[in-house]
Amino acid sequence: MKRILAATAVAILLTSCGHNLGTVVHGKFINIGYDPEINKVGIQYVDGIMMTGVNKELSKNKLKFIDSVEKDGIKTTTEIDYANENGAQVTGYQVDLEKARQANGGPSQSATAE
């Protein structure tokens, strides 16, 4: 039991928030998830390549995947390029803050940026 708790603690510490992350998974695997908002379980089976990119605002992400497989004397090469660029992201909080500034006669964010 102590080993399970220790392994869980290590897994939580090592899986922190990651921005500008790119991952490639190649093989056969199953993803199982649960969405409490709609009370549904989702199951996904993948036999192949899954690429994931997670970007923070004002960032660029490039990922290149090359795989060669030889089966029955036939060589197959797969090459995938993934690129993503994010600009500034505006949240509802920022919009409310800007409206409050303007309502109180303060300078707007766009005026101070110039």
C-alpha atoms as a PDB file:
ATOM      1  CA  MET A   1       0.000   0.000   0.000  1.00  0.00           C
ATOM      2  CA  LYS A   2       2.860   2.379   0.819  1.00  0.00           C
ATOM      3  CA  ARG A   3       4.385   1.752  -2.608  1.00  0.00           C
ATOM      4  CA  ILE A   4       1.109   2.629  -4.326  1.00  0.00           C
ATOM      5  CA  LEU A   5       0.830   5.877  -2.354  1.00  0.00           C
ATOM      6  CA  ALA A   6       4.459   6.755  -3.072  1.00  0.00           C
ATOM      7  CA  ALA A   7       4.051   6.013  -6.780  1.00  0.00           C
ATOM      8  CA  THR A   8       0.884   8.138  -6.873  1.00  0.00           C
ATOM      9  CA  ALA A   9       2.645  11.047  -5.156  1.00  0.00           C
ATOM     10  CA  VAL A  10       5.579  10.865  -7.592  1.00  0.00           C
ATOM     11  CA  ALA A  11       3.209  10.713 -10.571  1.00  0.00           C
ATOM     12  CA  ILE A  12       1.333  13.801  -9.370  1.00  0.00           C
ATOM     13  CA  LEU A  13       4.554  15.745  -8.803  1.00  0.00           C
ATOM     14  CA  LEU A  14       5.986  14.818 -12.204  1.00  0.00           C
ATOM     15  CA  THR A  15       2.837  15.607 -14.196  1.00  0.00           C
ATOM     16  CA  SER A  16       2.587  19.318 -13.516  1.00  0.00           C
ATOM     17  CA  CYS A  17       1.304  21.970 -15.878  1.00  0.00           C
ATOM     18  CA  GLY A  18       3.172  22.118 -19.165  1.00  0.00           C
ATOM     19  CA  HIS A  19       2.928  24.908 -21.712  1.00  0.00           C
ATOM     20  CA  ASN A  20       4.250  24.697 -25.244  1.00  0.00           C
ATOM     21  CA  LEU A  21       4.110  20.953 -25.062  1.00  0.00           C
ATOM     22  CA  GLY A  22       4.236  18.603 -28.038  1.00  0.00           C
ATOM     23  CA  THR A  23       3.758  14.863 -27.726  1.00  0.00           C
ATOM     24  CA  VAL A  24       3.708  11.963 -30.158  1.00  0.00           C
ATOM     25  CA  VAL A  25       2.298   8.562 -29.281  1.00  0.00           C
ATOM     26  CA  HIS A  26       2.793   5.731 -31.747  1.00  0.00           C
ATOM     27  CA  GLY A  27       1.254   2.304 -31.268  1.00  0.00           C
ATOM     28  CA  LYS A  28      -1.943   0.730 -29.984  1.00  0.00           C
ATOM     29  CA  PHE A  29      -3.567   2.251 -26.917  1.00  0.00           C
ATOM     30  CA  ILE A  30      -6.886   3.039 -25.261  1.00  0.00           C
ATOM     31  CA  ASN A  31      -7.907   6.358 -23.693  1.00  0.00           C
ATOM     32  CA  ILE A  32     -10.766   6.345 -21.211  1.00  0.00           C
ATOM     33  CA  GLY A  33     -12.276   9.566 -19.891  1.00  0.00           C
ATOM     34  CA  TYR A  34     -15.250  10.803 -17.915  1.00  0.00           C
ATOM     35  CA  ASP A  35     -17.036  14.157 -18.311  1.00  0.00           C
ATOM     36  CA  PRO A  36     -18.925  14.999 -15.101  1.00  0.00           C
ATOM     37  CA  GLU A  37     -20.796  17.923 -16.713  1.00  0.00           C
ATOM     38  CA  ILE A  38     -22.695  15.632 -19.074  1.00  0.00           C
ATOM     39  CA  ASN A  39     -22.227  12.458 -17.019  1.00  0.00           C
ATOM     40  CA  LYS A  40     -20.739  10.448 -19.888  1.00  0.00           C
ATOM     41  CA  VAL A  41     -17.797   8.101 -20.289  1.00  0.00           C
ATOM     42  CA  GLY A  42     -15.703   8.213 -23.451  1.00  0.00           C
ATOM     43  CA  ILE A  43     -13.479   5.440 -24.754  1.00  0.00           C
ATOM     44  CA  GLN A  44     -11.035   5.921 -27.619  1.00  0.00           C
ATOM     45  CA  TYR A  45      -8.988   3.179 -29.305  1.00  0.00           C
ATOM     46  CA  VAL A  46      -6.028   4.292 -31.418  1.00  0.00           C
ATOM     47  CA  ASP A  47      -3.858   2.098 -33.625  1.00  0.00           C
ATOM     48  CA  GLY A  48      -1.341   4.438 -35.174  1.00  0.00           C
ATOM     49  CA  ILE A  49      -0.060   7.931 -34.459  1.00  0.00           C
ATOM     50  CA  MET A  50      -1.565  10.557 -32.166  1.00  0.00           C
ATOM     51  CA  MET A  51       0.036  13.998 -31.993  1.00  0.00           C
ATOM     52  CA  THR A  52      -0.890  16.619 -29.394  1.00  0.00           C
ATOM     53  CA  GLY A  53       0.224  20.232 -29.117  1.00  0.00           C
ATOM     54  CA  VAL A  54      -0.617  22.525 -26.200  1.00  0.00           C
ATOM     55  CA  ASN A  55       0.367  26.165 -26.542  1.00  0.00           C
ATOM     56  CA  LYS A  56       0.272  29.146 -24.231  1.00  0.00           C
ATOM     57  CA  GLU A  57      -0.532  32.577 -25.643  1.00  0.00           C
ATOM     58  CA  LEU A  58       2.092  34.345 -27.744  1.00  0.00           C
ATOM     59  CA  SER A  59       3.938  31.140 -28.556  1.00  0.00           C
ATOM     60  CA  LYS A  60       5.056  28.967 -31.443  1.00  0.00           C
ATOM     61  CA  ASN A  61       5.212  25.195 -31.497  1.00  0.00           C
ATOM     62  CA  LYS A  62       6.879  22.974 -34.117  1.00  0.00           C
ATOM     63  CA  LEU A  63       6.926  19.198 -34.022  1.00  0.00           C
ATOM     64  CA  LYS A  64       8.306  16.767 -36.598  1.00  0.00           C
ATOM     65  CA  PHE A  65       7.686  13.027 -36.512  1.00  0.00           C
ATOM     66  CA  ILE A  66       9.457  10.543 -38.797  1.00  0.00           C
ATOM     67  CA  ASP A  67       8.876   6.806 -38.563  1.00  0.00           C
ATOM     68  CA  SER A  68      10.116   3.993 -40.806  1.00  0.00           C
ATOM     69  CA  VAL A  69       8.699   0.480 -40.686  1.00  0.00           C
ATOM     70  CA  GLU A  70       9.830  -2.485 -42.742  1.00  0.00           C
ATOM     71  CA  LYS A  71       7.440  -5.409 -43.066  1.00  0.00           C
ATOM     72  CA  ASP A  72       7.633  -8.247 -45.585  1.00  0.00           C
ATOM     73  CA  GLY A  73      10.451  -6.485 -47.435  1.00  0.00           C
ATOM     74  CA  ILE A  74       8.437  -3.305 -47.927  1.00  0.00           C
ATOM     75  CA  LYS A  75       9.684  -0.168 -46.207  1.00  0.00           C
ATOM     76  CA  THR A  76       7.085   2.450 -45.287  1.00  0.00           C
ATOM     77  CA  THR A  77       8.082   5.900 -44.039  1.00  0.00           C
ATOM     78  CA  THR A  78       5.681   8.282 -42.346  1.00  0.00           C
ATOM     79  CA  GLU A  79       6.642  11.913 -41.947  1.00  0.00           C
ATOM     80  CA  ILE A  80       4.396  14.434 -40.206  1.00  0.00           C
ATOM     81  CA  ASP A  81       5.120  18.130 -39.626  1.00  0.00           C
ATOM     82  CA  TYR A  82       3.028  20.021 -37.096  1.00  0.00           C
ATOM     83  CA  ALA A  83       3.269  23.777 -36.518  1.00  0.00           C
ATOM     84  CA  ASN A  84       1.092  26.045 -34.425  1.00  0.00           C
ATOM     85  CA  GLU A  85       1.305  29.720 -33.493  1.00  0.00           C
ATOM     86  CA  ASN A  86      -0.903  31.503 -30.960  1.00  0.00           C
ATOM     87  CA  GLY A  87      -1.411  35.222 -30.610  1.00  0.00           C
ATOM     88  CA  ALA A  88      -2.769  37.144 -27.645  1.00  0.00           C
ATOM     89  CA  GLN A  89      -5.729  35.452 -26.001  1.00  0.00           C
ATOM     90  CA  VAL A  90      -8.459  37.563 -24.418  1.00  0.00           C
ATOM     91  CA  THR A  91     -10.459  36.097 -21.557  1.00  0.00           C
ATOM     92  CA  GLY A  92     -13.790  37.247 -20.142  1.00  0.00           C
ATOM     93  CA  TYR A  93     -11.944  38.478 -17.058  1.00  0.00           C
ATOM     94  CA  GLN A  94      -9.855  40.861 -19.172  1.00  0.00           C
ATOM     95  CA  VAL A  95     -12.956  42.187 -20.939  1.00  0.00           C
ATOM     96  CA  ASP A  96     -14.702  42.841 -17.591  1.00  0.00           C
ATOM     97  CA  LEU A  97     -11.568  44.554 -16.248  1.00  0.00           C
ATOM     98  CA  GLU A  98     -11.391  46.845 -19.282  1.00  0.00           C
ATOM     99  CA  LYS A  99     -15.094  47.758 -18.942  1.00  0.00           C
ATOM    100  CA  ALA A 100     -14.564  48.573 -15.251  1.00  0.00           C
ATOM    101  CA  ARG A 101     -11.586  50.816 -16.090  1.00  0.00           C
ATOM    102  CA  GLN A 102     -13.598  52.709 -18.663  1.00  0.00           C
ATOM    103  CA  ALA A 103     -16.605  53.017 -16.344  1.00  0.00           C
ATOM    104  CA  ASN A 104     -14.403  54.515 -13.610  1.00  0.00           C
ATOM    105  CA  GLY A 105     -12.726  56.972 -15.968  1.00  0.00           C
ATOM    106  CA  GLY A 106      -9.374  55.189 -15.949  1.00  0.00           C
ATOM    107  CA  PRO A 107      -7.132  54.763 -18.985  1.00  0.00           C
ATOM    108  CA  SER A 108      -7.953  51.834 -21.211  1.00  0.00           C
ATOM    109  CA  GLN A 109      -5.502  48.990 -21.686  1.00  0.00           C
ATOM    110  CA  SER A 110      -5.153  49.821 -25.375  1.00  0.00           C
ATOM    111  CA  ALA A 111      -4.339  53.484 -24.587  1.00  0.00           C
ATOM    112  CA  THR A 112      -1.589  52.561 -22.127  1.00  0.00           C
ATOM    113  CA  ALA A 113      -0.056  50.065 -24.541  1.00  0.00           C
ATOM    114  CA  GLU A 114       0.626  52.764 -27.152  1.00  0.00           C
END
